Amino acid sequence: MQNTLPTSNNEFRQYLRNWLEEHYVLFKESWTSSKSHANIGYRRAWEDYLCGQGWSALGWPKKYGGHELDILKQAIFHEELARAQTPLGVNLIGHGILAPTLLKFGTEEQKQRFLPGIRLNTDIWCQGYSEPSAGSDLASVRTRALKKGNKYILNGHKIWTSFADHADWCFVLSRTNPDSTRHRGLSFLLVNMKQPGVRVEPIRQLTGYSDFCEVFFEDVEVDEHNILGKEDEGWKIAMAAASFERGTYFIPRLVKFRQELQKVKTLVTHTIDTGTDCHMEQSRLQNKWARLAIDSHVLQLKSQRALDNVISGAPPGPEGSSTKIHWSEAHQDLLEFAMSIIHDSPNDIATEMELEYSYLWSRAETILAGTSEIQRNIIAERLLGLPRV
């Protein structure tokens, strides 16, 4: 990465594309074990490489080692990485959620302490929100952090915590006011995952991998300087963190959707051209693919509208819930369609294995980052103005 990046968006895109064509090829050639995007070691090594080459902290102020790139260039960065089919990193939560939250709400001491580890990718972060009885209903968390001297004593149980078994730190939403209910009395704590009392149990998924974990906190000591914002005001910070997550969250996923859509088009064409006996007629195959292509196009328009809103300074709104539902359900539909074709008409084995893995993984997509049921409630109440039942 050169010290001075092109100012034109088109020139920046071409520079980044050229850089990836050179560096990602060299990186893959030097990697001697599995290059599967499911391989955590491969994902972490590529993310380390990117950060080592200066491709991190893109939107941060320069005083913290950032590049102060605008949101459009940040979007181009994520889009081009996805176009080159590079693996998603392991520290997405650190780079995409915690860092901007720290920059907005953190003390200078907290910024100096935590931002360098994120920028250099030496500190991996996870997010301690969901609980066994408070998955979609975040305001009902029961994890408690009670003040004792200059420390909080943290006790609780989190679940579906991505990459907790690789994380060095976790930001935990916990109840610091024992008499509080719902979103009141919650605080946002920065917790060292390597200290006594923290226990992590990976959860084996349909894919055979364990990207999610359970995390148990048993009398974990958290220094009072590791609370982000004020005590009992964690809900405000958690909501702000969620808005940062939505910023460029869908960009690599929508690029991947388009890439998978083309692979499924190849399956459809092969099935029709070879006259393979398929449970769907030719016209239905074509119509189904066309419907999914429309979904992809509409999702691109929604993503662009979200970027335009960020550029104009508009606060994140409930429209993100519409995009989340649309993407997760259309992606599941696409991969179910792919599986039905593969079942009837065997094709390239590598493509089949890749799509089968994506299909299994996609079962989580209507749950993670907010379930479809909760997203529909948000749309009903905040977009359509419907009353609570």
Protein backbone atom coordinates (compact mmCIF):
# COMPACT_ATOMS: atom_id res chain seq x y z
CA MET A 1 0.00 0.00 0.00
CA GLN A 2 1.45 3.34 -1.01
CA ASN A 3 1.53 6.25 1.43
CA THR A 4 -0.63 8.51 -0.75
CA LEU A 5 -3.72 6.83 -2.16
CA PRO A 6 -5.57 8.07 -5.27
CA THR A 7 -8.23 10.65 -4.47
CA SER A 8 -10.53 9.66 -7.35
CA ASN A 9 -12.85 6.77 -6.46
CA ASN A 10 -12.30 5.12 -9.85
CA GLU A 11 -8.53 5.42 -9.58
CA PHE A 12 -8.64 4.15 -5.99
CA ARG A 13 -10.68 1.12 -7.12
CA GLN A 14 -8.22 0.35 -9.92
CA TYR A 15 -5.22 0.78 -7.62
CA LEU A 16 -6.75 -1.58 -5.05
CA ARG A 17 -7.71 -4.08 -7.75
CA ASN A 18 -4.15 -4.12 -9.10
CA TRP A 19 -2.74 -4.45 -5.59
CA LEU A 20 -4.98 -7.43 -4.82
CA GLU A 21 -4.18 -9.14 -8.12
CA GLU A 22 -0.52 -9.05 -7.17
CA HIS A 23 -0.56 -9.55 -3.42
CA TYR A 24 -3.43 -12.00 -2.95
CA VAL A 25 -1.96 -14.30 -5.60
CA LEU A 26 1.42 -14.22 -3.85
CA PHE A 27 -0.24 -14.80 -0.48
CA LYS A 28 -2.13 -17.86 -1.75
CA GLU A 29 1.00 -19.29 -3.33
CA SER A 30 2.89 -18.95 -0.04
CA TRP A 31 0.10 -20.62 1.98
CA THR A 32 0.83 -24.34 2.08
CA SER A 33 -2.23 -25.71 3.92
CA SER A 34 -5.96 -25.50 3.17
CA LYS A 35 -7.07 -22.39 1.29
CA SER A 36 -10.72 -22.98 2.15
CA HIS A 37 -12.55 -19.89 3.37
CA ALA A 38 -13.72 -22.07 6.27
CA ASN A 39 -10.11 -22.40 7.46
CA ILE A 40 -9.73 -19.99 10.38
CA GLY A 41 -5.94 -20.07 10.11
CA TYR A 42 -6.11 -18.99 6.48
CA ARG A 43 -8.58 -16.21 7.27
CA ARG A 44 -6.50 -14.92 10.17
CA ALA A 45 -3.25 -15.03 8.17
CA TRP A 46 -4.78 -13.04 5.28
CA GLU A 47 -6.23 -10.49 7.68
CA ASP A 48 -2.83 -10.16 9.40
CA TYR A 49 -1.25 -9.64 5.98
CA LEU A 50 -3.72 -6.90 5.04
CA CYS A 51 -3.18 -5.08 8.32
CA GLY A 52 0.58 -5.49 8.04
CA GLN A 53 0.41 -3.85 4.62
CA GLY A 54 -1.51 -0.89 6.03
CA TRP A 55 -5.02 -1.85 4.89
CA SER A 56 -6.73 -1.24 8.23
CA ALA A 57 -8.08 1.76 10.14
CA LEU A 58 -9.28 3.13 6.80
CA GLY A 59 -11.76 5.62 8.23
CA TRP A 60 -9.95 6.44 11.48
CA PRO A 61 -8.40 9.84 12.26
CA LYS A 62 -4.73 10.03 11.35
CA LYS A 63 -3.76 10.72 14.96
CA TYR A 64 -4.66 7.08 15.72
CA GLY A 65 -2.89 5.66 12.70
CA GLY A 66 -5.87 5.88 10.37
CA HIS A 67 -6.21 6.96 6.75
CA GLU A 68 -9.35 9.13 7.05
CA LEU A 69 -10.90 7.58 3.93
CA ASP A 70 -14.49 8.51 3.24
CA ILE A 71 -17.31 5.95 3.41
CA LEU A 72 -17.36 5.45 -0.38
CA LYS A 73 -13.71 4.41 -0.47
CA GLN A 74 -14.29 2.13 2.50
CA ALA A 75 -17.17 0.57 0.58
CA ILE A 76 -14.95 0.14 -2.49
CA PHE A 77 -12.34 -1.57 -0.31
CA HIS A 78 -14.83 -4.17 0.97
CA GLU A 79 -16.33 -4.63 -2.48
CA GLU A 80 -12.98 -5.24 -4.18
CA LEU A 81 -11.85 -7.71 -1.51
CA ALA A 82 -15.06 -9.65 -2.04
CA ARG A 83 -14.74 -9.43 -5.84
CA ALA A 84 -11.24 -10.94 -5.58
CA GLN A 85 -12.81 -13.72 -3.46
CA THR A 86 -10.51 -13.13 -0.51
CA PRO A 87 -11.66 -14.67 2.79
CA LEU A 88 -13.48 -12.62 5.40
CA GLY A 89 -11.31 -11.85 8.40
CA VAL A 90 -11.58 -13.18 11.94
CA ASN A 91 -11.46 -9.75 13.59
CA LEU A 92 -14.42 -8.23 11.74
CA ILE A 93 -16.03 -7.27 15.04
CA GLY A 94 -12.92 -5.46 16.21
CA HIS A 95 -12.41 -3.52 12.98
CA GLY A 96 -16.03 -2.95 12.01
CA ILE A 97 -17.87 -2.51 15.31
CA LEU A 98 -15.67 -1.86 18.32
CA ALA A 99 -13.15 0.51 16.71
CA PRO A 100 -15.72 3.11 15.56
CA THR A 101 -17.54 2.71 18.89
CA LEU A 102 -14.30 3.39 20.77
CA LEU A 103 -13.57 6.41 18.59
CA LYS A 104 -16.99 7.87 19.41
CA PHE A 105 -17.40 6.99 23.09
CA GLY A 106 -13.98 5.99 24.43
CA THR A 107 -11.72 8.02 26.67
CA GLU A 108 -8.33 9.04 25.31
CA GLU A 109 -6.76 6.44 27.57
CA GLN A 110 -9.04 3.72 26.15
CA LYS A 111 -8.28 4.76 22.57
CA GLN A 112 -4.54 4.66 23.18
CA ARG A 113 -4.88 1.29 24.92
CA PHE A 114 -7.11 -0.61 22.49
CA LEU A 115 -6.95 0.94 19.00
CA PRO A 116 -3.35 -0.10 18.16
CA GLY A 117 -4.14 -3.78 18.79
CA ILE A 118 -7.12 -3.59 16.42
CA ARG A 119 -5.21 -1.68 13.74
CA LEU A 120 -2.33 -4.18 13.78
CA ASN A 121 -4.70 -7.15 14.26
CA THR A 122 -2.84 -8.36 17.34
CA ASP A 123 -5.99 -8.19 19.49
CA ILE A 124 -9.01 -10.18 18.28
CA TRP A 125 -12.40 -9.06 19.59
CA CYS A 126 -15.75 -10.80 20.03
CA GLN A 127 -19.18 -9.50 20.99
CA GLY A 128 -20.92 -10.63 24.20
CA TYR A 129 -24.58 -9.85 23.60
CA SER A 130 -26.87 -12.86 23.10
CA GLU A 131 -27.76 -15.14 26.00
CA PRO A 132 -29.58 -18.50 26.17
CA SER A 133 -32.81 -16.78 27.26
CA ALA A 134 -32.11 -13.41 25.63
CA GLY A 135 -31.02 -14.05 22.07
CA SER A 136 -33.25 -11.81 20.01
CA ASP A 137 -34.53 -9.81 22.98
CA LEU A 138 -31.27 -8.06 23.84
CA ALA A 139 -32.82 -5.81 26.49
CA SER A 140 -33.57 -8.80 28.73
CA VAL A 141 -29.92 -9.76 29.34
CA ARG A 142 -29.26 -11.25 32.77
CA THR A 143 -25.45 -11.17 32.86
CA ARG A 144 -24.48 -9.01 35.84
CA ALA A 145 -21.50 -6.86 36.68
CA LEU A 146 -21.61 -5.58 40.25
CA LYS A 147 -19.22 -2.87 41.42
CA LYS A 148 -16.80 -3.89 44.17
CA GLY A 149 -14.15 -1.28 44.95
CA ASN A 150 -12.50 -0.24 41.71
CA LYS A 151 -13.62 -3.36 39.82
CA TYR A 152 -16.76 -4.91 38.43
CA ILE A 153 -17.41 -8.58 39.24
CA LEU A 154 -18.88 -10.13 36.11
CA ASN A 155 -21.09 -13.24 36.13
CA GLY A 156 -23.19 -14.57 33.28
CA HIS A 157 -23.55 -16.76 30.23
CA LYS A 158 -23.37 -15.60 26.60
CA ILE A 159 -24.06 -17.69 23.51
CA TRP A 160 -23.62 -17.54 19.71
CA THR A 161 -20.44 -15.53 20.29
CA SER A 162 -18.52 -15.53 17.01
CA PHE A 163 -14.82 -16.50 17.27
CA ALA A 164 -14.81 -16.33 21.08
CA ASP A 165 -12.33 -19.22 21.10
CA HIS A 166 -9.87 -17.04 19.17
CA ALA A 167 -10.63 -13.72 20.85
CA ASP A 168 -8.36 -11.78 23.20
CA TRP A 169 -11.07 -9.34 24.25
CA CYS A 170 -14.85 -9.17 24.36
CA PHE A 171 -17.23 -6.23 24.74
CA VAL A 172 -19.98 -7.43 27.04
CA LEU A 173 -23.42 -5.95 27.58
CA SER A 174 -24.19 -6.58 31.24
CA ARG A 175 -26.56 -5.38 33.96
CA THR A 176 -24.77 -3.09 36.41
CA ASN A 177 -27.94 -2.01 38.20
CA PRO A 178 -29.42 -5.17 39.77
CA ASP A 179 -32.83 -3.51 40.26
CA SER A 180 -33.13 -2.40 36.63
CA THR A 181 -35.27 -3.92 33.89
CA ARG A 182 -35.16 -4.02 30.12
CA HIS A 183 -32.72 -1.57 28.49
CA ARG A 184 -32.15 0.48 31.64
CA GLY A 185 -29.22 -0.26 33.95
CA LEU A 186 -27.01 -1.91 31.32
CA SER A 187 -23.32 -1.16 30.82
CA PHE A 188 -20.80 -1.79 28.05
CA LEU A 189 -17.69 -3.53 29.47
CA LEU A 190 -14.39 -4.36 27.77
CA VAL A 191 -13.36 -7.78 29.09
CA ASN A 192 -10.04 -9.61 28.81
CA MET A 193 -10.84 -13.13 27.56
CA LYS A 194 -7.56 -14.60 28.80
CA GLN A 195 -8.12 -14.00 32.51
CA PRO A 196 -9.35 -16.43 35.19
CA GLY A 197 -13.08 -17.05 35.27
CA VAL A 198 -13.64 -16.87 31.50
CA ARG A 199 -14.62 -20.22 29.96
CA VAL A 200 -15.29 -20.73 26.25
CA GLU A 201 -17.13 -23.72 24.77
CA PRO A 202 -17.20 -23.92 20.92
CA ILE A 203 -20.52 -24.94 19.33
CA ARG A 204 -20.26 -27.45 16.50
CA GLN A 205 -22.36 -26.39 13.50
CA LEU A 206 -23.94 -28.17 10.53
CA THR A 207 -20.83 -27.33 8.50
CA GLY A 208 -18.64 -29.31 10.89
CA TYR A 209 -16.89 -26.14 12.03
CA SER A 210 -17.32 -24.10 15.21
CA ASP A 211 -17.56 -20.41 14.36
CA PHE A 212 -19.87 -19.76 17.33
CA CYS A 213 -19.25 -20.35 21.01
CA GLU A 214 -20.77 -20.26 24.46
CA VAL A 215 -18.95 -18.02 26.95
CA PHE A 216 -19.23 -18.31 30.72
CA PHE A 217 -18.13 -15.52 33.06
CA GLU A 218 -17.61 -16.68 36.63
CA ASP A 219 -16.51 -13.92 39.08
CA VAL A 220 -14.46 -12.23 36.36
CA GLU A 221 -12.80 -9.02 37.50
CA VAL A 222 -13.15 -6.05 35.14
CA ASP A 223 -11.25 -2.84 35.92
CA GLU A 224 -13.50 0.20 36.28
CA HIS A 225 -11.48 1.92 33.53
CA ASN A 226 -12.73 -0.75 31.11
CA ILE A 227 -16.29 0.50 31.03
CA LEU A 228 -17.08 2.29 27.77
CA GLY A 229 -19.20 5.37 28.39
CA LYS A 230 -21.02 5.87 31.67
CA GLU A 231 -22.32 3.19 33.99
CA ASP A 232 -25.91 2.13 33.19
CA GLU A 233 -25.79 3.81 29.75
CA GLY A 234 -24.68 0.74 27.84
CA TRP A 235 -27.87 0.45 25.79
CA LYS A 236 -27.14 3.73 23.99
CA ILE A 237 -23.63 2.53 23.15
CA ALA A 238 -24.84 -0.92 22.07
CA MET A 239 -27.34 0.69 19.66
CA ALA A 240 -24.62 2.94 18.26
CA ALA A 241 -22.36 -0.09 17.82
CA ALA A 242 -25.16 -1.82 15.90
CA SER A 243 -25.38 1.16 13.53
CA PHE A 244 -21.64 0.91 12.83
CA GLU A 245 -22.07 -2.79 12.08
CA ARG A 246 -24.65 -1.96 9.42
CA GLY A 247 -22.30 0.51 7.66
CA THR A 248 -20.51 -1.85 5.25
CA TYR A 249 -21.87 -5.13 6.65
CA PHE A 250 -23.74 -6.24 3.53
CA ILE A 251 -21.22 -5.23 0.87
CA PRO A 252 -19.09 -8.42 0.79
CA ARG A 253 -22.21 -10.53 1.28
CA LEU A 254 -23.97 -8.95 -1.70
CA VAL A 255 -20.89 -9.40 -3.88
CA LYS A 256 -20.78 -13.05 -2.86
CA PHE A 257 -24.51 -13.32 -3.65
CA ARG A 258 -23.79 -12.13 -7.21
CA GLN A 259 -20.88 -14.56 -7.56
CA GLU A 260 -22.99 -17.49 -6.37
CA LEU A 261 -25.81 -16.36 -8.63
CA GLN A 262 -23.50 -16.74 -11.64
CA LYS A 263 -22.43 -20.19 -10.49
CA VAL A 264 -26.08 -21.22 -10.21
CA LYS A 265 -26.70 -19.80 -13.70
CA THR A 266 -23.97 -22.14 -14.96
CA LEU A 267 -25.74 -25.05 -13.24
CA VAL A 268 -29.06 -24.07 -14.82
CA THR A 269 -27.49 -23.73 -18.29
CA HIS A 270 -25.71 -27.08 -17.95
CA THR A 271 -28.95 -28.77 -16.88
CA ILE A 272 -30.88 -27.33 -19.83
CA ASP A 273 -28.14 -27.91 -22.44
CA THR A 274 -27.57 -31.54 -21.45
CA GLY A 275 -31.27 -32.31 -21.24
CA THR A 276 -30.84 -33.70 -17.75
CA ASP A 277 -33.98 -35.06 -16.18
CA CYS A 278 -34.78 -32.40 -13.59
CA HIS A 279 -37.74 -32.07 -11.23
CA MET A 280 -38.24 -28.53 -12.56
CA GLU A 281 -39.21 -27.67 -16.13
CA GLN A 282 -36.87 -25.48 -18.19
CA SER A 283 -39.16 -22.44 -17.93
CA ARG A 284 -39.38 -22.81 -14.13
CA LEU A 285 -35.59 -23.08 -13.87
CA GLN A 286 -35.17 -19.89 -15.88
CA ASN A 287 -37.91 -18.02 -14.02
CA LYS A 288 -36.51 -19.03 -10.64
CA TRP A 289 -33.03 -17.81 -11.55
CA ALA A 290 -34.47 -14.56 -12.96
CA ARG A 291 -36.36 -13.95 -9.70
CA LEU A 292 -33.13 -14.35 -7.73
CA ALA A 293 -31.30 -12.04 -10.14
CA ILE A 294 -33.94 -9.39 -9.42
CA ASP A 295 -33.39 -9.92 -5.69
CA SER A 296 -29.66 -9.33 -6.19
CA HIS A 297 -30.28 -6.11 -8.11
CA VAL A 298 -32.75 -4.75 -5.56
CA LEU A 299 -30.34 -5.55 -2.73
CA GLN A 300 -27.65 -3.58 -4.52
CA LEU A 301 -30.00 -0.60 -4.73
CA LYS A 302 -30.80 -0.90 -1.01
CA SER A 303 -27.10 -1.03 -0.18
CA GLN A 304 -26.44 2.08 -2.26
CA ARG A 305 -29.30 3.92 -0.58
CA ALA A 306 -27.84 3.05 2.84
CA LEU A 307 -24.45 4.44 1.76
CA ASP A 308 -26.10 7.60 0.44
CA ASN A 309 -27.81 8.07 3.82
CA VAL A 310 -24.48 7.73 5.63
CA ILE A 311 -22.86 10.25 3.28
CA SER A 312 -25.69 12.73 3.85
CA GLY A 313 -25.32 12.37 7.62
CA ALA A 314 -28.71 10.75 8.17
CA PRO A 315 -28.87 8.47 11.22
CA PRO A 316 -29.29 4.72 10.61
CA GLY A 317 -32.95 3.86 10.35
CA PRO A 318 -35.17 0.77 10.40
CA GLU A 319 -34.67 0.35 6.64
CA GLY A 320 -31.65 -1.81 7.50
CA SER A 321 -34.06 -4.42 8.83
CA SER A 322 -35.63 -4.69 5.38
CA THR A 323 -32.21 -5.29 3.80
CA LYS A 324 -31.29 -7.85 6.46
CA ILE A 325 -34.45 -9.91 5.92
CA HIS A 326 -34.27 -9.61 2.15
CA TRP A 327 -30.62 -10.69 1.95
CA SER A 328 -30.78 -13.59 4.41
CA GLU A 329 -33.98 -15.11 3.01
CA ALA A 330 -33.03 -14.58 -0.66
CA HIS A 331 -29.60 -16.09 0.00
CA GLN A 332 -31.16 -19.16 1.59
CA ASP A 333 -33.54 -19.40 -1.38
CA LEU A 334 -30.64 -19.17 -3.85
CA LEU A 335 -28.69 -21.95 -2.16
CA GLU A 336 -31.74 -24.19 -1.78
CA PHE A 337 -32.27 -23.75 -5.53
CA ALA A 338 -28.62 -24.68 -6.14
CA MET A 339 -28.97 -27.83 -4.02
CA SER A 340 -32.06 -28.96 -5.93
CA ILE A 341 -30.19 -28.65 -9.25
CA ILE A 342 -27.07 -30.39 -7.96
CA HIS A 343 -29.24 -33.24 -6.65
CA ASP A 344 -30.74 -33.79 -10.10
CA SER A 345 -27.73 -32.95 -12.25
CA PRO A 346 -24.19 -33.52 -10.88
CA ASN A 347 -21.73 -30.83 -11.97
CA ASP A 348 -18.20 -29.68 -11.17
CA ILE A 349 -17.30 -31.23 -7.80
CA ALA A 350 -15.43 -28.15 -6.51
CA THR A 351 -18.41 -25.90 -7.26
CA GLU A 352 -20.76 -28.40 -5.65
CA MET A 353 -18.70 -28.59 -2.46
CA GLU A 354 -18.46 -24.81 -2.21
CA LEU A 355 -22.19 -24.33 -2.69
CA GLU A 356 -23.01 -27.15 -0.27
CA TYR A 357 -20.90 -25.52 2.43
CA SER A 358 -22.56 -22.15 1.77
CA TYR A 359 -25.97 -23.83 1.92
CA LEU A 360 -25.29 -25.34 5.33
CA TRP A 361 -23.85 -22.09 6.66
CA SER A 362 -26.79 -20.06 5.33
CA ARG A 363 -29.19 -21.75 7.76
CA ALA A 364 -27.82 -19.37 10.41
CA GLU A 365 -28.37 -16.21 8.37
CA THR A 366 -32.00 -15.67 9.36
CA ILE A 367 -30.88 -15.85 13.02
CA LEU A 368 -27.55 -14.01 13.25
CA ALA A 369 -27.39 -10.19 13.34
CA GLY A 370 -31.05 -10.10 14.37
CA THR A 371 -33.62 -12.80 13.65
CA SER A 372 -36.13 -12.38 10.85
CA GLU A 373 -38.95 -12.30 13.42
CA ILE A 374 -37.38 -9.37 15.31
CA GLN A 375 -36.57 -7.56 12.06
CA ARG A 376 -40.22 -7.88 10.97
CA ASN A 377 -41.34 -6.40 14.28
CA ILE A 378 -39.02 -3.43 13.72
CA ILE A 379 -40.41 -2.91 10.21
CA ALA A 380 -44.00 -3.19 11.44
CA GLU A 381 -43.58 -0.75 14.33
CA ARG A 382 -41.03 1.76 13.03
CA LEU A 383 -41.62 1.78 9.27
CA LEU A 384 -45.33 0.93 8.97
CA GLY A 385 -46.43 2.45 12.28
CA LEU A 386 -48.41 -0.64 13.31
CA PRO A 387 -49.37 -0.99 16.98
CA ARG A 388 -47.86 -3.56 19.31
CA VAL A 389 -50.15 -6.52 19.87
